[in-house]
Amino acid sequence: MIPGKRVKGMGGAMDLVSGVRQVVVLMEHTAAGGSAKLVRNCSLPLTGKGVVNGVITDLCALDVTPAGFEVFELAEGETREQIEQRTEGSLRFRDGAA
């Protein structure tokens, strides 16, 4: 490593996904143009496949399961329909999710 120079590499993300028991991602639910960020299949290079356990967005909190995304809590003022419209991946709501 050279001080003051940028070095290409994967940074600390690989350490995070390979050295912990649980990974929870904090993110905005949609991109700036309104497109879904929670999708069925990722088109970008993955740091680790199948390592994310949960996601907390500005709209809801959800678990990542083999069947898809499972919402367990909605942000204040959000509805199930609004979450469904802004999510591209497989989505279900846990009993009592509000």
N, C-alpha and C. Protein backbone atom coordinates (compact mmCIF):
# COMPACT_ATOMS: atom_id res chain seq x y z
N MET A 1 0.84 -1.17 0.00
CA MET A 1 0.00 0.00 0.00
C MET A 1 0.89 1.24 0.00
N ILE A 2 0.49 2.22 -0.78
CA ILE A 2 1.25 3.47 -0.89
C ILE A 2 0.43 4.58 -0.25
N PRO A 3 0.97 5.25 0.78
CA PRO A 3 0.22 6.34 1.42
C PRO A 3 -0.20 7.41 0.41
N GLY A 4 -1.46 7.83 0.49
CA GLY A 4 -1.97 8.86 -0.41
C GLY A 4 -2.41 8.36 -1.77
N LYS A 5 -2.22 7.09 -2.06
CA LYS A 5 -2.63 6.52 -3.36
C LYS A 5 -3.80 5.58 -3.15
N ARG A 6 -4.71 5.60 -4.12
CA ARG A 6 -5.84 4.65 -4.07
C ARG A 6 -5.38 3.31 -4.63
N VAL A 7 -5.77 2.27 -3.96
CA VAL A 7 -5.41 0.93 -4.40
C VAL A 7 -6.70 0.19 -4.69
N LYS A 8 -6.76 -0.42 -5.88
CA LYS A 8 -7.95 -1.19 -6.22
C LYS A 8 -8.03 -2.43 -5.35
N GLY A 9 -9.24 -2.75 -4.96
CA GLY A 9 -9.44 -3.93 -4.14
C GLY A 9 -10.86 -3.95 -3.62
N MET A 10 -11.18 -4.97 -2.86
CA MET A 10 -12.55 -5.11 -2.41
C MET A 10 -12.82 -4.42 -1.09
N GLY A 11 -11.83 -3.82 -0.48
CA GLY A 11 -12.07 -3.10 0.76
C GLY A 11 -12.42 -4.04 1.90
N GLY A 12 -13.23 -3.58 2.84
CA GLY A 12 -13.56 -4.38 4.01
C GLY A 12 -14.81 -5.22 3.88
N ALA A 13 -15.51 -5.10 2.76
CA ALA A 13 -16.78 -5.83 2.60
C ALA A 13 -16.57 -7.34 2.67
N MET A 14 -15.50 -7.85 2.09
CA MET A 14 -15.26 -9.29 2.11
C MET A 14 -15.05 -9.78 3.54
N ASP A 15 -14.34 -9.02 4.36
CA ASP A 15 -14.17 -9.40 5.76
C ASP A 15 -15.51 -9.44 6.48
N LEU A 16 -16.37 -8.48 6.19
CA LEU A 16 -17.67 -8.43 6.84
C LEU A 16 -18.53 -9.64 6.51
N VAL A 17 -18.59 -10.02 5.24
CA VAL A 17 -19.50 -11.11 4.86
C VAL A 17 -18.93 -12.48 5.16
N SER A 18 -17.63 -12.59 5.37
CA SER A 18 -17.06 -13.92 5.62
C SER A 18 -16.74 -14.17 7.09
N GLY A 19 -16.71 -13.12 7.90
CA GLY A 19 -16.28 -13.32 9.28
C GLY A 19 -17.33 -13.05 10.33
N VAL A 20 -18.59 -12.96 9.95
CA VAL A 20 -19.65 -12.69 10.93
C VAL A 20 -20.77 -13.71 10.80
N ARG A 21 -21.58 -13.80 11.84
CA ARG A 21 -22.70 -14.74 11.82
C ARG A 21 -23.95 -14.17 11.17
N GLN A 22 -24.08 -12.85 11.21
CA GLN A 22 -25.30 -12.24 10.69
C GLN A 22 -24.95 -10.92 10.00
N VAL A 23 -25.54 -10.70 8.81
CA VAL A 23 -25.33 -9.47 8.05
C VAL A 23 -26.68 -8.79 7.86
N VAL A 24 -26.79 -7.55 8.33
CA VAL A 24 -27.99 -6.75 8.14
C VAL A 24 -27.59 -5.52 7.34
N VAL A 25 -28.29 -5.27 6.24
CA VAL A 25 -27.99 -4.16 5.35
C VAL A 25 -28.94 -3.00 5.66
N LEU A 26 -28.40 -1.79 5.79
CA LEU A 26 -29.19 -0.58 5.96
C LEU A 26 -29.12 0.19 4.65
N MET A 27 -30.28 0.51 4.05
CA MET A 27 -30.28 1.14 2.74
C MET A 27 -31.59 1.85 2.46
N GLU A 28 -31.59 2.69 1.42
CA GLU A 28 -32.84 3.26 0.94
C GLU A 28 -33.54 2.19 0.12
N HIS A 29 -34.86 2.16 0.17
CA HIS A 29 -35.63 1.10 -0.48
C HIS A 29 -35.60 1.21 -2.00
N THR A 30 -35.57 2.44 -2.52
CA THR A 30 -35.55 2.65 -3.97
C THR A 30 -34.38 3.53 -4.37
N ALA A 31 -34.02 3.46 -5.65
CA ALA A 31 -32.96 4.31 -6.20
C ALA A 31 -33.51 5.72 -6.41
N ALA A 32 -32.64 6.66 -6.74
CA ALA A 32 -33.03 8.06 -6.91
C ALA A 32 -34.16 8.23 -7.91
N GLY A 33 -34.18 7.46 -8.97
CA GLY A 33 -35.23 7.56 -9.99
C GLY A 33 -36.50 6.80 -9.64
N GLY A 34 -36.51 6.13 -8.47
CA GLY A 34 -37.69 5.40 -8.04
C GLY A 34 -37.66 3.91 -8.35
N SER A 35 -36.62 3.43 -9.03
CA SER A 35 -36.55 2.00 -9.35
C SER A 35 -36.23 1.19 -8.09
N ALA A 36 -36.68 -0.06 -8.09
CA ALA A 36 -36.51 -0.94 -6.94
C ALA A 36 -35.04 -1.30 -6.74
N LYS A 37 -34.60 -1.29 -5.49
CA LYS A 37 -33.27 -1.76 -5.14
C LYS A 37 -33.31 -3.19 -4.60
N LEU A 38 -34.47 -3.61 -4.09
CA LEU A 38 -34.65 -4.98 -3.64
C LEU A 38 -35.21 -5.77 -4.82
N VAL A 39 -34.35 -6.58 -5.43
CA VAL A 39 -34.70 -7.27 -6.67
C VAL A 39 -34.57 -8.78 -6.51
N ARG A 40 -35.18 -9.49 -7.43
CA ARG A 40 -35.16 -10.95 -7.42
C ARG A 40 -33.73 -11.48 -7.66
N ASN A 41 -33.04 -10.92 -8.65
CA ASN A 41 -31.68 -11.33 -8.98
C ASN A 41 -30.80 -10.10 -9.15
N CYS A 42 -29.63 -10.11 -8.52
CA CYS A 42 -28.71 -8.99 -8.59
C CYS A 42 -27.92 -9.06 -9.90
N SER A 43 -27.82 -7.92 -10.58
CA SER A 43 -27.07 -7.87 -11.84
C SER A 43 -25.65 -7.33 -11.63
N LEU A 44 -25.30 -7.00 -10.40
CA LEU A 44 -23.97 -6.47 -10.08
C LEU A 44 -23.10 -7.58 -9.47
N PRO A 45 -21.78 -7.40 -9.49
CA PRO A 45 -20.91 -8.40 -8.84
C PRO A 45 -21.22 -8.49 -7.35
N LEU A 46 -21.26 -9.70 -6.82
CA LEU A 46 -21.59 -9.92 -5.42
C LEU A 46 -20.33 -10.05 -4.57
N THR A 47 -20.34 -9.46 -3.40
CA THR A 47 -19.25 -9.65 -2.44
C THR A 47 -19.37 -11.04 -1.82
N GLY A 48 -20.59 -11.46 -1.55
CA GLY A 48 -20.85 -12.78 -1.00
C GLY A 48 -22.27 -13.18 -1.37
N LYS A 49 -22.46 -14.41 -1.79
CA LYS A 49 -23.78 -14.87 -2.20
C LYS A 49 -24.50 -15.52 -1.02
N GLY A 50 -25.74 -15.08 -0.78
CA GLY A 50 -26.56 -15.68 0.26
C GLY A 50 -26.11 -15.38 1.67
N VAL A 51 -25.43 -14.25 1.89
CA VAL A 51 -24.91 -13.96 3.23
C VAL A 51 -25.73 -12.91 3.98
N VAL A 52 -26.64 -12.22 3.31
CA VAL A 52 -27.44 -11.18 3.96
C VAL A 52 -28.63 -11.82 4.66
N ASN A 53 -28.78 -11.53 5.95
CA ASN A 53 -29.88 -12.08 6.74
C ASN A 53 -31.07 -11.14 6.85
N GLY A 54 -30.80 -9.84 6.82
CA GLY A 54 -31.87 -8.87 6.99
C GLY A 54 -31.56 -7.57 6.28
N VAL A 55 -32.63 -6.79 6.04
CA VAL A 55 -32.50 -5.49 5.39
C VAL A 55 -33.41 -4.52 6.13
N ILE A 56 -32.88 -3.35 6.43
CA ILE A 56 -33.69 -2.27 7.02
C ILE A 56 -33.63 -1.11 6.05
N THR A 57 -34.80 -0.68 5.56
CA THR A 57 -34.86 0.43 4.62
C THR A 57 -35.67 1.57 5.23
N ASP A 58 -35.81 2.63 4.47
CA ASP A 58 -36.63 3.75 4.92
C ASP A 58 -38.12 3.42 4.90
N LEU A 59 -38.50 2.29 4.30
CA LEU A 59 -39.91 1.90 4.20
C LEU A 59 -40.30 0.74 5.11
N CYS A 60 -39.35 -0.18 5.37
CA CYS A 60 -39.69 -1.36 6.16
C CYS A 60 -38.44 -2.08 6.65
N ALA A 61 -38.66 -3.07 7.51
CA ALA A 61 -37.60 -3.97 7.95
C ALA A 61 -38.01 -5.37 7.53
N LEU A 62 -37.05 -6.14 7.00
CA LEU A 62 -37.40 -7.46 6.50
C LEU A 62 -36.26 -8.44 6.69
N ASP A 63 -36.63 -9.71 6.70
CA ASP A 63 -35.67 -10.80 6.73
C ASP A 63 -35.49 -11.32 5.31
N VAL A 64 -34.30 -11.83 5.02
CA VAL A 64 -34.04 -12.46 3.74
C VAL A 64 -34.11 -13.96 3.98
N THR A 65 -35.05 -14.64 3.31
CA THR A 65 -35.27 -16.07 3.50
C THR A 65 -35.07 -16.79 2.17
N PRO A 66 -34.96 -18.11 2.18
CA PRO A 66 -34.86 -18.84 0.91
C PRO A 66 -36.05 -18.58 -0.02
N ALA A 67 -37.21 -18.24 0.55
CA ALA A 67 -38.41 -17.97 -0.26
C ALA A 67 -38.47 -16.53 -0.75
N GLY A 68 -37.59 -15.66 -0.25
CA GLY A 68 -37.61 -14.26 -0.66
C GLY A 68 -37.58 -13.34 0.54
N PHE A 69 -38.09 -12.13 0.37
CA PHE A 69 -38.10 -11.13 1.43
C PHE A 69 -39.34 -11.30 2.30
N GLU A 70 -39.16 -11.25 3.62
CA GLU A 70 -40.28 -11.36 4.56
C GLU A 70 -40.31 -10.10 5.43
N VAL A 71 -41.30 -9.25 5.19
CA VAL A 71 -41.44 -7.99 5.93
C VAL A 71 -41.99 -8.28 7.32
N PHE A 72 -41.31 -7.75 8.34
CA PHE A 72 -41.83 -7.91 9.70
C PHE A 72 -42.20 -6.59 10.35
N GLU A 73 -41.82 -5.46 9.74
CA GLU A 73 -42.23 -4.16 10.28
C GLU A 73 -42.24 -3.12 9.16
N LEU A 74 -43.30 -2.31 9.14
CA LEU A 74 -43.43 -1.21 8.17
C LEU A 74 -43.12 0.11 8.86
N ALA A 75 -42.51 1.03 8.12
CA ALA A 75 -42.27 2.37 8.65
C ALA A 75 -43.61 3.08 8.82
N GLU A 76 -43.65 4.02 9.73
CA GLU A 76 -44.87 4.77 9.99
C GLU A 76 -45.36 5.43 8.70
N GLY A 77 -46.65 5.25 8.40
CA GLY A 77 -47.27 5.85 7.23
C GLY A 77 -47.18 5.01 5.96
N GLU A 78 -46.42 3.92 5.99
CA GLU A 78 -46.30 3.05 4.81
C GLU A 78 -47.37 1.96 4.85
N THR A 79 -47.79 1.51 3.67
CA THR A 79 -48.77 0.42 3.57
C THR A 79 -48.13 -0.77 2.87
N ARG A 80 -48.76 -1.91 3.02
CA ARG A 80 -48.28 -3.11 2.32
C ARG A 80 -48.24 -2.88 0.81
N GLU A 81 -49.26 -2.22 0.29
CA GLU A 81 -49.34 -1.97 -1.15
C GLU A 81 -48.18 -1.09 -1.63
N GLN A 82 -47.82 -0.08 -0.84
CA GLN A 82 -46.70 0.79 -1.21
C GLN A 82 -45.39 0.01 -1.22
N ILE A 83 -45.20 -0.87 -0.26
CA ILE A 83 -43.99 -1.69 -0.21
C ILE A 83 -43.95 -2.63 -1.41
N GLU A 84 -45.07 -3.28 -1.73
CA GLU A 84 -45.13 -4.19 -2.87
C GLU A 84 -44.80 -3.48 -4.17
N GLN A 85 -45.30 -2.26 -4.36
CA GLN A 85 -45.06 -1.51 -5.58
C GLN A 85 -43.59 -1.13 -5.75
N ARG A 86 -42.87 -1.02 -4.66
CA ARG A 86 -41.48 -0.55 -4.71
C ARG A 86 -40.47 -1.67 -4.53
N THR A 87 -40.94 -2.92 -4.56
CA THR A 87 -40.06 -4.07 -4.38
C THR A 87 -40.21 -5.00 -5.58
N GLU A 88 -39.08 -5.37 -6.17
CA GLU A 88 -39.11 -6.24 -7.35
C GLU A 88 -39.01 -7.72 -6.98
N GLY A 89 -38.36 -8.04 -5.89
CA GLY A 89 -38.18 -9.43 -5.50
C GLY A 89 -39.42 -10.03 -4.88
N SER A 90 -39.36 -11.34 -4.62
CA SER A 90 -40.46 -12.06 -3.99
C SER A 90 -40.66 -11.51 -2.58
N LEU A 91 -41.90 -11.17 -2.25
CA LEU A 91 -42.19 -10.46 -1.01
C LEU A 91 -43.39 -11.06 -0.31
N ARG A 92 -43.27 -11.24 1.00
CA ARG A 92 -44.42 -11.64 1.80
C ARG A 92 -44.36 -10.89 3.12
N PHE A 93 -45.49 -10.85 3.81
CA PHE A 93 -45.59 -10.11 5.06
C PHE A 93 -45.82 -11.07 6.21
N ARG A 94 -45.02 -10.97 7.24
CA ARG A 94 -45.19 -11.79 8.42
C ARG A 94 -46.50 -11.42 9.10
N ASP A 95 -47.17 -12.39 9.69
CA ASP A 95 -48.40 -12.11 10.43
C ASP A 95 -48.13 -11.02 11.46
N GLY A 96 -48.98 -10.02 11.47
CA GLY A 96 -48.84 -8.93 12.42
C GLY A 96 -47.92 -7.81 11.98
N ALA A 97 -47.34 -7.92 10.77
CA ALA A 97 -46.47 -6.84 10.29
C ALA A 97 -47.28 -5.59 10.07
N ALA A 98 -46.89 -4.53 10.74
CA ALA A 98 -47.61 -3.26 10.62
C ALA A 98 -46.66 -2.11 10.80
